[in-house]
Amino acid sequence: MSKGIYVLVFFSLTLLSMAIVFLPETYAVTQVDEVDITITVAQKTLVDITPASLTWSNVDPGSQSGIDDGGYGSIQIENIGSTNITGVWFNNTYPSSNPFGSGTNASYNAGNFVVIKRDTESGDNAWMFPNRVEYNASNTIVYVTVPTGYYYGRFRNASHEYFWGVDAGSGACNLNGRIFRIGIDEHNQSVTGDSDLSDGGQGTRYYQYTLTQASNNNSWGYAAINVSANNWQMCVAVEDTCDTVMFYRWNTDAPGGTQCAYAQNFTSTTLTPGSWVLATVRVRVPYGVHWGDIGSVQGKLTVIAQSSYGT
């Protein structure tokens, strides 16, 4: 009896081992399906300007700055929207009246000192003001000579100063045919320059231009001008009161900016979404600026971007 039981148990274990060895293999099965994704992006014009502020300290009167205190030599204008940007231009703030001789740094505005050049260009005449505003000389400058009935003042460009005069005519300087003159040789700490703007000096002591009334702001007259032998090509606009003169290049919103031959958008090519352009920025502080922090009103450089929807 005991032997029979032993054999039966052994046989059962053997069958169990064989069952384990010969079980069929199993497989993981992956099912694949897809989800369609469709997005329609809205037409949106957006730009990002970095850095958001620029600061210069201890800039000498009559000098151009280097890169700003944070180490930025340029600002980056990036198209972060969804439309092509077809034009970028600038304007800057300026004082509402003549700050020179006021005796206070609060009278000036830092935006009026800004010059900009394209990152791809070089040379002194590549640096241009978006718009620099000058005012009629409030006091007589004894060494400046102009014809009777002319208002006059200075175009200040760091250490370079050029005397200008404008014919008031019947009392308005914005009308077609008004004469604008600007001295050829600069005035600085060492030389008087061309300070005689009286008749007969065209091409030798001054350049002469005829103003045209601006269509986008008819209280101003404008002309495309060359400044100095360095051939700075820019535009000038003179207000009807003859007290205010604006020199500009990168501001097509300025008086006459859509007509003046030398007014330009800063960008010469289209900025597609995700692309950017660099603008090199400096400040040119003229002679006669009171020391300390400039301006009671924050200076601003404004970047304007224009897009064409559907492109």
C-alpha atoms as a PDB file:
ATOM      1  CA  MET A   1       0.000   0.000   0.000  1.00  0.00           C
ATOM      2  CA  SER A   2       2.711   2.433   0.891  1.00  0.00           C
ATOM      3  CA  LYS A   3       4.587   1.879  -2.390  1.00  0.00           C
ATOM      4  CA  GLY A   4       1.543   2.581  -4.496  1.00  0.00           C
ATOM      5  CA  ILE A   5       0.952   5.850  -2.806  1.00  0.00           C
ATOM      6  CA  TYR A   6       4.595   6.880  -3.406  1.00  0.00           C
ATOM      7  CA  VAL A   7       4.454   6.200  -7.112  1.00  0.00           C
ATOM      8  CA  LEU A   8       1.218   8.137  -7.562  1.00  0.00           C
ATOM      9  CA  VAL A   9       2.588  11.229  -5.871  1.00  0.00           C
ATOM     10  CA  PHE A  10       5.791  11.196  -7.941  1.00  0.00           C
ATOM     11  CA  PHE A  11       3.893  10.822 -11.151  1.00  0.00           C
ATOM     12  CA  SER A  12       1.620  13.765 -10.335  1.00  0.00           C
ATOM     13  CA  LEU A  13       4.609  16.061  -9.691  1.00  0.00           C
ATOM     14  CA  THR A  14       6.127  15.016 -12.987  1.00  0.00           C
ATOM     15  CA  LEU A  15       2.980  15.944 -14.880  1.00  0.00           C
ATOM     16  CA  LEU A  16       2.898  19.335 -13.145  1.00  0.00           C
ATOM     17  CA  SER A  17       6.477  20.066 -14.229  1.00  0.00           C
ATOM     18  CA  MET A  18       5.682  19.207 -17.800  1.00  0.00           C
ATOM     19  CA  ALA A  19       2.656  21.523 -17.780  1.00  0.00           C
ATOM     20  CA  ILE A  20       4.775  24.458 -16.679  1.00  0.00           C
ATOM     21  CA  VAL A  21       7.411  23.890 -19.358  1.00  0.00           C
ATOM     22  CA  PHE A  22       4.998  23.726 -22.273  1.00  0.00           C
ATOM     23  CA  LEU A  23       2.632  26.758 -21.560  1.00  0.00           C
ATOM     24  CA  PRO A  24       2.151  28.877 -24.750  1.00  0.00           C
ATOM     25  CA  GLU A  25       3.934  32.360 -25.023  1.00  0.00           C
ATOM     26  CA  THR A  26       1.898  35.647 -24.542  1.00  0.00           C
ATOM     27  CA  TYR A  27       2.262  38.966 -26.514  1.00  0.00           C
ATOM     28  CA  ALA A  28       1.500  42.718 -25.744  1.00  0.00           C
ATOM     29  CA  VAL A  29      -0.655  44.260 -28.479  1.00  0.00           C
ATOM     30  CA  THR A  30      -0.473  48.118 -29.099  1.00  0.00           C
ATOM     31  CA  GLN A  31      -3.334  49.895 -30.804  1.00  0.00           C
ATOM     32  CA  VAL A  32      -2.508  53.158 -32.738  1.00  0.00           C
ATOM     33  CA  ASP A  33      -4.954  55.908 -33.556  1.00  0.00           C
ATOM     34  CA  GLU A  34      -4.590  59.645 -34.397  1.00  0.00           C
ATOM     35  CA  VAL A  35      -6.186  62.941 -33.361  1.00  0.00           C
ATOM     36  CA  ASP A  36      -6.308  65.786 -35.853  1.00  0.00           C
ATOM     37  CA  ILE A  37      -5.075  69.158 -34.495  1.00  0.00           C
ATOM     38  CA  THR A  38      -6.205  72.347 -36.215  1.00  0.00           C
ATOM     39  CA  ILE A  39      -5.291  75.876 -35.068  1.00  0.00           C
ATOM     40  CA  THR A  40      -6.136  79.193 -36.649  1.00  0.00           C
ATOM     41  CA  VAL A  41      -3.823  81.937 -35.415  1.00  0.00           C
ATOM     42  CA  ALA A  42      -5.314  85.403 -35.054  1.00  0.00           C
ATOM     43  CA  GLN A  43      -3.809  88.329 -36.909  1.00  0.00           C
ATOM     44  CA  LYS A  44      -1.953  90.199 -34.186  1.00  0.00           C
ATOM     45  CA  THR A  45       0.809  92.774 -34.423  1.00  0.00           C
ATOM     46  CA  LEU A  46       3.124  92.561 -31.403  1.00  0.00           C
ATOM     47  CA  VAL A  47       6.690  93.736 -30.829  1.00  0.00           C
ATOM     48  CA  ASP A  48       9.064  93.151 -27.950  1.00  0.00           C
ATOM     49  CA  ILE A  49      11.697  95.806 -27.230  1.00  0.00           C
ATOM     50  CA  THR A  50      14.619  94.679 -25.066  1.00  0.00           C
ATOM     51  CA  PRO A  51      16.062  96.137 -22.892  1.00  0.00           C
ATOM     52  CA  ALA A  52      13.187  98.191 -21.501  1.00  0.00           C
ATOM     53  CA  SER A  53      15.424 101.033 -20.292  1.00  0.00           C
ATOM     54  CA  LEU A  54      18.857 102.505 -21.013  1.00  0.00           C
ATOM     55  CA  THR A  55      20.967 104.530 -18.591  1.00  0.00           C
ATOM     56  CA  TRP A  56      24.176 106.519 -19.016  1.00  0.00           C
ATOM     57  CA  SER A  57      26.057 108.177 -16.159  1.00  0.00           C
ATOM     58  CA  ASN A  58      28.724 110.892 -16.066  1.00  0.00           C
ATOM     59  CA  VAL A  59      28.558 111.771 -19.759  1.00  0.00           C
ATOM     60  CA  ASP A  60      30.686 114.836 -20.487  1.00  0.00           C
ATOM     61  CA  PRO A  61      29.086 117.870 -22.169  1.00  0.00           C
ATOM     62  CA  GLY A  62      30.004 117.906 -25.840  1.00  0.00           C
ATOM     63  CA  SER A  63      30.463 114.143 -26.159  1.00  0.00           C
ATOM     64  CA  GLN A  64      28.869 110.940 -27.373  1.00  0.00           C
ATOM     65  CA  SER A  65      28.338 108.127 -24.891  1.00  0.00           C
ATOM     66  CA  GLY A  66      29.557 104.590 -25.213  1.00  0.00           C
ATOM     67  CA  ILE A  67      27.315 101.620 -24.470  1.00  0.00           C
ATOM     68  CA  ASP A  68      24.894 102.128 -21.587  1.00  0.00           C
ATOM     69  CA  ASP A  69      25.690 101.387 -17.927  1.00  0.00           C
ATOM     70  CA  GLY A  70      24.101  97.943 -18.181  1.00  0.00           C
ATOM     71  CA  GLY A  71      26.404  96.975 -21.045  1.00  0.00           C
ATOM     72  CA  TYR A  72      23.775  97.247 -23.768  1.00  0.00           C
ATOM     73  CA  GLY A  73      25.032  98.578 -27.057  1.00  0.00           C
ATOM     74  CA  SER A  74      21.769  98.017 -28.915  1.00  0.00           C
ATOM     75  CA  ILE A  75      18.081  97.442 -28.471  1.00  0.00           C
ATOM     76  CA  GLN A  76      16.453  94.394 -30.054  1.00  0.00           C
ATOM     77  CA  ILE A  77      13.151  94.911 -31.848  1.00  0.00           C
ATOM     78  CA  GLU A  78      11.515  91.505 -32.232  1.00  0.00           C
ATOM     79  CA  ASN A  79       8.338  90.594 -34.072  1.00  0.00           C
ATOM     80  CA  ILE A  80       6.503  88.417 -31.536  1.00  0.00           C
ATOM     81  CA  GLY A  81       3.149  88.706 -33.281  1.00  0.00           C
ATOM     82  CA  SER A  82       1.659  86.835 -36.217  1.00  0.00           C
ATOM     83  CA  THR A  83       1.770  89.416 -39.006  1.00  0.00           C
ATOM     84  CA  ASN A  84       4.623  90.728 -41.106  1.00  0.00           C
ATOM     85  CA  ILE A  85       5.982  94.051 -39.860  1.00  0.00           C
ATOM     86  CA  THR A  86       6.638  96.181 -42.901  1.00  0.00           C
ATOM     87  CA  GLY A  87       7.917  99.310 -41.190  1.00  0.00           C
ATOM     88  CA  VAL A  88       9.613 100.349 -37.933  1.00  0.00           C
ATOM     89  CA  TRP A  89      10.370 103.945 -37.016  1.00  0.00           C
ATOM     90  CA  PHE A  90      11.039 106.005 -33.898  1.00  0.00           C
ATOM     91  CA  ASN A  91      10.182 109.188 -32.145  1.00  0.00           C
ATOM     92  CA  ASN A  92      11.611 110.638 -28.961  1.00  0.00           C
ATOM     93  CA  THR A  93      10.594 113.121 -26.316  1.00  0.00           C
ATOM     94  CA  TYR A  94      12.045 116.644 -26.171  1.00  0.00           C
ATOM     95  CA  PRO A  95      11.697 119.720 -23.932  1.00  0.00           C
ATOM     96  CA  SER A  96       8.723 122.003 -24.521  1.00  0.00           C
ATOM     97  CA  SER A  97      10.883 125.150 -24.502  1.00  0.00           C
ATOM     98  CA  ASN A  98      14.528 126.125 -24.809  1.00  0.00           C
ATOM     99  CA  PRO A  99      16.356 124.565 -21.830  1.00  0.00           C
ATOM    100  CA  PHE A 100      19.764 126.152 -22.492  1.00  0.00           C
ATOM    101  CA  GLY A 101      20.600 128.878 -20.025  1.00  0.00           C
ATOM    102  CA  SER A 102      17.794 127.836 -17.671  1.00  0.00           C
ATOM    103  CA  GLY A 103      20.271 126.872 -14.937  1.00  0.00           C
ATOM    104  CA  THR A 104      18.488 123.629 -14.092  1.00  0.00           C
ATOM    105  CA  ASN A 105      18.819 120.069 -15.365  1.00  0.00           C
ATOM    106  CA  ALA A 106      15.045 119.664 -15.012  1.00  0.00           C
ATOM    107  CA  SER A 107      14.533 121.822 -18.119  1.00  0.00           C
ATOM    108  CA  TYR A 108      16.187 119.302 -20.459  1.00  0.00           C
ATOM    109  CA  ASN A 109      14.825 115.995 -21.721  1.00  0.00           C
ATOM    110  CA  ALA A 110      17.061 112.944 -22.153  1.00  0.00           C
ATOM    111  CA  GLY A 111      15.092 111.714 -25.173  1.00  0.00           C
ATOM    112  CA  ASN A 112      16.309 114.706 -27.181  1.00  0.00           C
ATOM    113  CA  PHE A 113      19.906 113.455 -26.984  1.00  0.00           C
ATOM    114  CA  VAL A 114      19.284 110.009 -28.537  1.00  0.00           C
ATOM    115  CA  VAL A 115      21.012 109.012 -31.779  1.00  0.00           C
ATOM    116  CA  ILE A 116      20.492 105.669 -33.530  1.00  0.00           C
ATOM    117  CA  LYS A 117      22.186 103.797 -36.329  1.00  0.00           C
ATOM    118  CA  ARG A 118      21.439 100.567 -38.118  1.00  0.00           C
ATOM    119  CA  ASP A 119      23.510  97.705 -36.800  1.00  0.00           C
ATOM    120  CA  THR A 120      24.739  96.959 -40.325  1.00  0.00           C
ATOM    121  CA  GLU A 121      26.030 100.502 -41.003  1.00  0.00           C
ATOM    122  CA  SER A 122      29.158 102.328 -39.885  1.00  0.00           C
ATOM    123  CA  GLY A 123      30.661 105.807 -39.994  1.00  0.00           C
ATOM    124  CA  ASP A 124      29.766 109.003 -38.156  1.00  0.00           C
ATOM    125  CA  ASN A 125      27.069 110.000 -40.617  1.00  0.00           C
ATOM    126  CA  ALA A 126      25.238 106.698 -39.965  1.00  0.00           C
ATOM    127  CA  TRP A 127      24.239 108.052 -36.532  1.00  0.00           C
ATOM    128  CA  MET A 128      20.978 109.959 -36.819  1.00  0.00           C
ATOM    129  CA  PHE A 129      18.482 111.579 -34.480  1.00  0.00           C
ATOM    130  CA  PRO A 130      14.946 110.209 -34.586  1.00  0.00           C
ATOM    131  CA  ASN A 131      13.989 113.833 -34.001  1.00  0.00           C
ATOM    132  CA  ARG A 132      16.094 116.490 -32.307  1.00  0.00           C
ATOM    133  CA  VAL A 133      14.291 119.707 -31.441  1.00  0.00           C
ATOM    134  CA  GLU A 134      16.080 123.045 -31.184  1.00  0.00           C
ATOM    135  CA  TYR A 135      14.718 126.469 -30.284  1.00  0.00           C
ATOM    136  CA  ASN A 136      15.330 129.970 -31.504  1.00  0.00           C
ATOM    137  CA  ALA A 137      18.155 131.678 -29.591  1.00  0.00           C
ATOM    138  CA  SER A 138      16.466 133.618 -26.810  1.00  0.00           C
ATOM    139  CA  ASN A 139      19.460 135.958 -26.443  1.00  0.00           C
ATOM    140  CA  THR A 140      21.581 137.628 -29.103  1.00  0.00           C
ATOM    141  CA  ILE A 141      24.681 135.692 -30.171  1.00  0.00           C
ATOM    142  CA  VAL A 142      27.089 138.517 -30.940  1.00  0.00           C
ATOM    143  CA  TYR A 143      29.207 136.596 -33.463  1.00  0.00           C
ATOM    144  CA  VAL A 144      26.258 135.306 -35.530  1.00  0.00           C
ATOM    145  CA  THR A 145      25.123 137.371 -38.529  1.00  0.00           C
ATOM    146  CA  VAL A 146      21.809 136.783 -40.310  1.00  0.00           C
ATOM    147  CA  PRO A 147      19.703 138.871 -42.719  1.00  0.00           C
ATOM    148  CA  THR A 148      17.065 141.181 -41.280  1.00  0.00           C
ATOM    149  CA  GLY A 149      13.887 139.287 -40.367  1.00  0.00           C
ATOM    150  CA  TYR A 150      15.620 135.946 -39.754  1.00  0.00           C
ATOM    151  CA  TYR A 151      15.248 133.810 -36.660  1.00  0.00           C
ATOM    152  CA  TYR A 152      18.350 131.811 -35.767  1.00  0.00           C
ATOM    153  CA  GLY A 153      19.703 129.179 -33.411  1.00  0.00           C
ATOM    154  CA  ARG A 154      21.996 126.133 -33.235  1.00  0.00           C
ATOM    155  CA  PHE A 155      21.785 122.517 -34.299  1.00  0.00           C
ATOM    156  CA  ARG A 156      23.662 120.730 -31.506  1.00  0.00           C
ATOM    157  CA  ASN A 157      25.276 117.364 -32.194  1.00  0.00           C
ATOM    158  CA  ALA A 158      27.586 116.558 -29.238  1.00  0.00           C
ATOM    159  CA  SER A 159      30.613 118.843 -29.756  1.00  0.00           C
ATOM    160  CA  HIS A 160      29.437 119.861 -33.243  1.00  0.00           C
ATOM    161  CA  GLU A 161      27.246 122.968 -33.449  1.00  0.00           C
ATOM    162  CA  TYR A 162      25.869 124.406 -36.662  1.00  0.00           C
ATOM    163  CA  PHE A 163      24.131 127.769 -36.801  1.00  0.00           C
ATOM    164  CA  TRP A 164      20.854 127.925 -38.666  1.00  0.00           C
ATOM    165  CA  GLY A 165      18.624 130.793 -39.752  1.00  0.00           C
ATOM    166  CA  VAL A 166      15.122 130.914 -41.194  1.00  0.00           C
ATOM    167  CA  ASP A 167      13.312 133.679 -43.033  1.00  0.00           C
ATOM    168  CA  ALA A 168      10.202 134.717 -41.115  1.00  0.00           C
ATOM    169  CA  GLY A 169       8.801 136.537 -44.146  1.00  0.00           C
ATOM    170  CA  SER A 170       5.408 137.893 -43.147  1.00  0.00           C
ATOM    171  CA  GLY A 171       5.773 136.309 -39.712  1.00  0.00           C
ATOM    172  CA  ALA A 172       5.193 132.628 -40.511  1.00  0.00           C
ATOM    173  CA  CYS A 173       7.984 130.137 -41.217  1.00  0.00           C
ATOM    174  CA  ASN A 174       5.926 127.184 -42.394  1.00  0.00           C
ATOM    175  CA  LEU A 175       4.845 128.515 -45.769  1.00  0.00           C
ATOM    176  CA  ASN A 176       6.043 127.396 -49.191  1.00  0.00           C
ATOM    177  CA  GLY A 177       9.132 129.265 -50.309  1.00  0.00           C
ATOM    178  CA  ARG A 178      10.515 130.220 -46.903  1.00  0.00           C
ATOM    179  CA  ILE A 179      14.329 130.105 -46.832  1.00  0.00           C
ATOM    180  CA  PHE A 180      16.313 127.960 -44.384  1.00  0.00           C
ATOM    181  CA  ARG A 181      20.080 128.306 -44.079  1.00  0.00           C
ATOM    182  CA  ILE A 182      22.585 126.269 -42.068  1.00  0.00           C
ATOM    183  CA  GLY A 183      26.299 126.928 -41.611  1.00  0.00           C
ATOM    184  CA  ILE A 184      28.715 124.510 -43.273  1.00  0.00           C
ATOM    185  CA  ASP A 185      31.636 124.534 -40.826  1.00  0.00           C
ATOM    186  CA  GLU A 186      30.931 123.612 -37.233  1.00  0.00           C
ATOM    187  CA  HIS A 187      31.276 125.775 -34.175  1.00  0.00           C
ATOM    188  CA  ASN A 188      32.975 124.183 -31.186  1.00  0.00           C
ATOM    189  CA  GLN A 189      35.153 125.064 -28.216  1.00  0.00           C
ATOM    190  CA  SER A 190      38.118 125.771 -30.492  1.00  0.00           C
ATOM    191  CA  VAL A 191      36.676 127.373 -33.651  1.00  0.00           C
ATOM    192  CA  THR A 192      33.894 129.855 -34.407  1.00  0.00           C
ATOM    193  CA  GLY A 193      32.804 128.014 -37.528  1.00  0.00           C
ATOM    194  CA  ASP A 194      30.445 129.472 -40.124  1.00  0.00           C
ATOM    195  CA  SER A 195      28.461 131.997 -38.141  1.00  0.00           C
ATOM    196  CA  ASP A 196      27.790 134.427 -41.003  1.00  0.00           C
ATOM    197  CA  LEU A 197      24.523 133.435 -42.675  1.00  0.00           C
ATOM    198  CA  SER A 198      24.057 136.749 -44.459  1.00  0.00           C
ATOM    199  CA  ASP A 199      23.312 136.896 -48.191  1.00  0.00           C
ATOM    200  CA  GLY A 200      25.923 135.799 -50.719  1.00  0.00           C
ATOM    201  CA  GLY A 201      27.413 132.834 -48.858  1.00  0.00           C
ATOM    202  CA  GLN A 202      25.485 129.979 -50.445  1.00  0.00           C
ATOM    203  CA  GLY A 203      27.803 126.990 -50.823  1.00  0.00           C
ATOM    204  CA  THR A 204      30.721 128.688 -49.093  1.00  0.00           C
ATOM    205  CA  ARG A 205      29.438 129.755 -45.667  1.00  0.00           C
ATOM    206  CA  TYR A 206      26.059 128.050 -45.581  1.00  0.00           C
ATOM    207  CA  TYR A 207      23.740 125.691 -47.404  1.00  0.00           C
ATOM    208  CA  GLN A 208      20.383 127.141 -48.395  1.00  0.00           C
ATOM    209  CA  TYR A 209      17.078 125.279 -48.770  1.00  0.00           C
ATOM    210  CA  THR A 210      13.498 126.189 -49.605  1.00  0.00           C
ATOM    211  CA  LEU A 211      10.792 125.016 -47.221  1.00  0.00           C
ATOM    212  CA  THR A 212       7.570 123.331 -48.307  1.00  0.00           C
ATOM    213  CA  GLN A 213       4.462 123.280 -46.157  1.00  0.00           C
ATOM    214  CA  ALA A 214       4.012 119.803 -44.659  1.00  0.00           C
ATOM    215  CA  SER A 215       0.900 117.931 -45.758  1.00  0.00           C
ATOM    216  CA  ASN A 216       0.685 115.859 -42.543  1.00  0.00           C
ATOM    217  CA  ASN A 217       0.986 118.954 -40.306  1.00  0.00           C
ATOM    218  CA  ASN A 218       0.497 122.230 -42.136  1.00  0.00           C
ATOM    219  CA  SER A 219       1.714 124.370 -39.238  1.00  0.00           C
ATOM    220  CA  TRP A 220       5.236 123.261 -40.189  1.00  0.00           C
ATOM    221  CA  GLY A 221       7.409 123.642 -43.273  1.00  0.00           C
ATOM    222  CA  TYR A 222      10.075 121.051 -44.144  1.00  0.00           C
ATOM    223  CA  ALA A 223      13.118 120.473 -46.353  1.00  0.00           C
ATOM    224  CA  ALA A 224      15.650 117.702 -47.041  1.00  0.00           C
ATOM    225  CA  ILE A 225      19.054 119.076 -46.039  1.00  0.00           C
ATOM    226  CA  ASN A 226      22.754 118.195 -45.853  1.00  0.00           C
ATOM    227  CA  VAL A 227      24.577 119.207 -42.696  1.00  0.00           C
ATOM    228  CA  SER A 228      28.311 119.990 -42.829  1.00  0.00           C
ATOM    229  CA  ALA A 229      30.981 118.606 -45.090  1.00  0.00           C
ATOM    230  CA  ASN A 230      30.327 115.214 -43.419  1.00  0.00           C
ATOM    231  CA  ASN A 231      27.140 115.114 -45.491  1.00  0.00           C
ATOM    232  CA  TRP A 232      24.685 114.213 -42.740  1.00  0.00           C
ATOM    233  CA  GLN A 233      21.515 113.742 -44.778  1.00  0.00           C
ATOM    234  CA  MET A 234      18.443 114.553 -42.728  1.00  0.00           C
ATOM    235  CA  CYS A 235      15.224 116.527 -42.741  1.00  0.00           C
ATOM    236  CA  VAL A 236      14.432 119.812 -41.055  1.00  0.00           C
ATOM    237  CA  ALA A 237      10.985 121.078 -40.079  1.00  0.00           C
ATOM    238  CA  VAL A 238      10.265 124.634 -38.935  1.00  0.00           C
ATOM    239  CA  GLU A 239       7.118 125.594 -37.010  1.00  0.00           C
ATOM    240  CA  ASP A 240       5.024 128.529 -38.179  1.00  0.00           C
ATOM    241  CA  THR A 241       6.042 130.583 -35.119  1.00  0.00           C
ATOM    242  CA  CYS A 242       9.700 130.262 -36.231  1.00  0.00           C
ATOM    243  CA  ASP A 243      10.727 129.399 -32.656  1.00  0.00           C
ATOM    244  CA  THR A 244      10.931 125.624 -33.005  1.00  0.00           C
ATOM    245  CA  VAL A 245      13.071 123.615 -35.434  1.00  0.00           C
ATOM    246  CA  MET A 246      13.162 119.814 -35.655  1.00  0.00           C
ATOM    247  CA  PHE A 247      16.002 117.805 -37.232  1.00  0.00           C
ATOM    248  CA  TYR A 248      15.097 114.201 -37.972  1.00  0.00           C
ATOM    249  CA  ARG A 249      15.783 111.055 -39.953  1.00  0.00           C
ATOM    250  CA  TRP A 250      14.133 107.963 -38.383  1.00  0.00           C
ATOM    251  CA  ASN A 251      10.731 109.556 -37.689  1.00  0.00           C
ATOM    252  CA  THR A 252       8.330 109.393 -40.613  1.00  0.00           C
ATOM    253  CA  ASP A 253       5.582 110.789 -38.358  1.00  0.00           C
ATOM    254  CA  ALA A 254       7.463 114.097 -38.061  1.00  0.00           C
ATOM    255  CA  PRO A 255       6.147 117.133 -39.965  1.00  0.00           C
ATOM    256  CA  GLY A 256       6.854 116.433 -43.616  1.00  0.00           C
ATOM    257  CA  GLY A 257       8.069 112.932 -42.772  1.00  0.00           C
ATOM    258  CA  THR A 258       5.978 111.308 -45.495  1.00  0.00           C
ATOM    259  CA  GLN A 259       7.327 113.790 -48.073  1.00  0.00           C
ATOM    260  CA  CYS A 260      10.928 114.552 -47.145  1.00  0.00           C
ATOM    261  CA  ALA A 261      13.398 112.607 -49.282  1.00  0.00           C
ATOM    262  CA  TYR A 262      15.710 111.799 -46.354  1.00  0.00           C
ATOM    263  CA  ALA A 263      13.062 110.626 -43.874  1.00  0.00           C
ATOM    264  CA  GLN A 264      13.197 106.853 -43.587  1.00  0.00           C
ATOM    265  CA  ASN A 265      11.750 103.900 -41.766  1.00  0.00           C
ATOM    266  CA  PHE A 266      14.473 102.311 -39.675  1.00  0.00           C
ATOM    267  CA  THR A 267      13.835  98.867 -41.167  1.00  0.00           C
ATOM    268  CA  SER A 268      14.557  98.385 -44.841  1.00  0.00           C
ATOM    269  CA  THR A 269      13.228  94.797 -44.980  1.00  0.00           C
ATOM    270  CA  THR A 270      10.111  93.025 -43.713  1.00  0.00           C
ATOM    271  CA  LEU A 271      10.253  91.562 -40.205  1.00  0.00           C
ATOM    272  CA  THR A 272       8.472  88.220 -40.386  1.00  0.00           C
ATOM    273  CA  PRO A 273       7.029  86.668 -37.189  1.00  0.00           C
ATOM    274  CA  GLY A 274       9.863  85.507 -34.942  1.00  0.00           C
ATOM    275  CA  SER A 275      12.540  87.695 -36.568  1.00  0.00           C
ATOM    276  CA  TRP A 276      14.181  90.799 -35.154  1.00  0.00           C
ATOM    277  CA  VAL A 277      16.388  93.769 -35.967  1.00  0.00           C
ATOM    278  CA  LEU A 278      19.021  95.535 -33.848  1.00  0.00           C
ATOM    279  CA  ALA A 279      19.242  99.296 -33.391  1.00  0.00           C
ATOM    280  CA  THR A 280      22.481 100.676 -31.966  1.00  0.00           C
ATOM    281  CA  VAL A 281      21.675 103.479 -29.514  1.00  0.00           C
ATOM    282  CA  ARG A 282      23.872 106.231 -28.052  1.00  0.00           C
ATOM    283  CA  VAL A 283      23.323 109.681 -26.599  1.00  0.00           C
ATOM    284  CA  ARG A 284      24.992 112.872 -27.778  1.00  0.00           C
ATOM    285  CA  VAL A 285      25.084 115.434 -25.008  1.00  0.00           C
ATOM    286  CA  PRO A 286      25.792 118.938 -26.322  1.00  0.00           C
ATOM    287  CA  TYR A 287      27.680 121.735 -24.640  1.00  0.00           C
ATOM    288  CA  GLY A 288      25.786 123.774 -22.073  1.00  0.00           C
ATOM    289  CA  VAL A 289      23.759 121.016 -20.363  1.00  0.00           C
ATOM    290  CA  HIS A 290      23.376 121.400 -16.584  1.00  0.00           C
ATOM    291  CA  TRP A 291      24.964 118.588 -14.561  1.00  0.00           C
ATOM    292  CA  GLY A 292      22.936 115.905 -12.741  1.00  0.00           C
ATOM    293  CA  ASP A 293      20.007 113.699 -13.692  1.00  0.00           C
ATOM    294  CA  ILE A 294      18.453 115.064 -16.865  1.00  0.00           C
ATOM    295  CA  GLY A 295      14.847 116.180 -16.947  1.00  0.00           C
ATOM    296  CA  SER A 296      11.879 116.433 -14.634  1.00  0.00           C
ATOM    297  CA  VAL A 297       9.987 114.353 -17.226  1.00  0.00           C
ATOM    298  CA  GLN A 298      11.285 110.882 -18.086  1.00  0.00           C
ATOM    299  CA  GLY A 299      12.963 110.768 -21.476  1.00  0.00           C
ATOM    300  CA  LYS A 300      11.401 108.257 -23.851  1.00  0.00           C
ATOM    301  CA  LEU A 301      12.316 106.592 -27.123  1.00  0.00           C
ATOM    302  CA  THR A 302       9.179 105.229 -28.771  1.00  0.00           C
ATOM    303  CA  VAL A 303       9.313 102.396 -31.309  1.00  0.00           C
ATOM    304  CA  ILE A 304       6.427 102.255 -33.789  1.00  0.00           C
ATOM    305  CA  ALA A 305       5.791  99.100 -35.816  1.00  0.00           C
ATOM    306  CA  GLN A 306       3.438  98.878 -38.779  1.00  0.00           C
ATOM    307  CA  SER A 307       2.104  95.643 -40.197  1.00  0.00           C
ATOM    308  CA  SER A 308       0.188  94.690 -43.305  1.00  0.00           C
ATOM    309  CA  TYR A 309      -2.625  92.281 -42.446  1.00  0.00           C
ATOM    310  CA  GLY A 310      -3.014  89.379 -44.755  1.00  0.00           C
ATOM    311  CA  THR A 311       0.720  89.159 -45.484  1.00  0.00           C
END
